[in-house]
Amino acid sequence: MEQDFLGALTGTGTVEVLVENDGQEGQVEVVVELEDNHGEVVTREIESIHMEEGEQRRISVDVEVTEEVEAYEVEARAG
């Protein structure tokens, strides 16, 4: 999922996502990448959690948004 910041925010922020484990019980990595206007990753935050099969959970990831950040992308994957 990619979202635009439109250059309007700087400072510390929180990205909240709903993660649903459609697979087996195990570790899941939630990866938040902040990108500049060229699509280059400026910073990456990774939150590792343990999830049960079929579980849904809201995850909050704190990020530092600098002036060059224009968009962010979030991915959840088996760890």
Protein backbone atom coordinates (compact mmCIF):
# COMPACT_ATOMS: atom_id res chain seq x y z
CA MET A 1 0.00 0.00 0.00
CA GLU A 2 1.47 3.39 -0.95
CA GLN A 3 0.27 6.73 0.41
CA ASP A 4 1.37 10.31 -0.31
CA PHE A 5 2.45 12.79 2.36
CA LEU A 6 2.48 15.67 -0.18
CA GLY A 7 5.43 17.20 1.68
CA ALA A 8 3.12 18.55 4.37
CA LEU A 9 4.40 16.66 7.41
CA THR A 10 7.74 16.60 9.20
CA GLY A 11 8.80 15.30 12.59
CA THR A 12 7.84 12.14 14.41
CA GLY A 13 4.74 10.35 13.17
CA THR A 14 2.96 7.05 13.54
CA VAL A 15 1.83 4.77 10.74
CA GLU A 16 -1.02 2.47 11.76
CA VAL A 17 -1.91 -0.62 9.74
CA LEU A 18 -4.26 -3.54 10.16
CA VAL A 19 -2.40 -6.81 9.58
CA GLU A 20 -4.30 -10.01 8.85
CA ASN A 21 -2.50 -13.34 8.95
CA ASP A 22 -4.05 -15.52 6.25
CA GLY A 23 -1.28 -18.09 6.65
CA GLN A 24 0.18 -20.17 9.43
CA GLU A 25 1.11 -19.06 12.94
CA GLY A 26 4.52 -17.41 13.07
CA GLN A 27 6.58 -14.26 12.83
CA VAL A 28 5.38 -11.40 10.64
CA GLU A 29 7.48 -8.38 9.68
CA VAL A 30 5.68 -5.09 9.09
CA VAL A 31 7.94 -2.93 6.91
CA VAL A 32 7.35 0.83 6.54
CA GLU A 33 9.44 2.60 3.90
CA LEU A 34 9.49 6.38 3.58
CA GLU A 35 10.32 7.56 0.06
CA ASP A 36 11.42 10.77 -1.62
CA ASN A 37 9.88 12.19 -4.80
CA HIS A 38 12.06 9.85 -6.92
CA GLY A 39 10.78 6.74 -5.16
CA GLU A 40 14.09 6.25 -3.33
CA VAL A 41 13.82 4.89 0.21
CA VAL A 42 14.86 7.57 2.72
CA THR A 43 14.27 5.44 5.81
CA ARG A 44 12.91 2.01 6.67
CA GLU A 45 11.33 0.83 9.94
CA ILE A 46 10.63 -2.85 10.63
CA GLU A 47 8.34 -4.15 13.38
CA SER A 48 8.48 -7.91 13.99
CA ILE A 49 5.48 -9.56 15.68
CA HIS A 50 4.21 -13.07 16.34
CA MET A 51 0.72 -13.79 14.96
CA GLU A 52 -1.64 -16.72 15.25
CA GLU A 53 -3.26 -18.27 12.17
CA GLY A 54 -6.25 -16.12 11.11
CA GLU A 55 -5.39 -13.32 13.57
CA GLN A 56 -5.97 -9.64 12.80
CA ARG A 57 -4.01 -7.00 14.66
CA ARG A 58 -3.57 -3.22 14.43
CA ILE A 59 0.13 -2.31 14.45
CA SER A 60 1.60 1.13 15.10
CA VAL A 61 5.05 1.97 13.75
CA ASP A 62 6.76 5.23 14.77
CA VAL A 63 8.66 6.99 11.98
CA GLU A 64 10.75 10.14 11.63
CA VAL A 65 9.47 12.16 8.66
CA THR A 66 12.04 14.50 7.13
CA GLU A 67 11.48 17.23 4.53
CA GLU A 68 12.46 15.00 1.60
CA VAL A 69 9.81 12.37 2.41
CA GLU A 70 6.86 12.48 0.02
CA ALA A 71 5.31 9.02 0.29
CA TYR A 72 5.35 5.87 2.33
CA GLU A 73 4.79 2.21 1.57
CA VAL A 74 3.80 -0.55 4.00
CA GLU A 75 4.24 -4.29 3.54
CA ALA A 76 3.63 -7.23 5.88
CA ARG A 77 5.46 -10.49 5.19
CA ALA A 78 6.23 -13.78 6.87
CA GLY A 79 9.44 -13.48 8.89
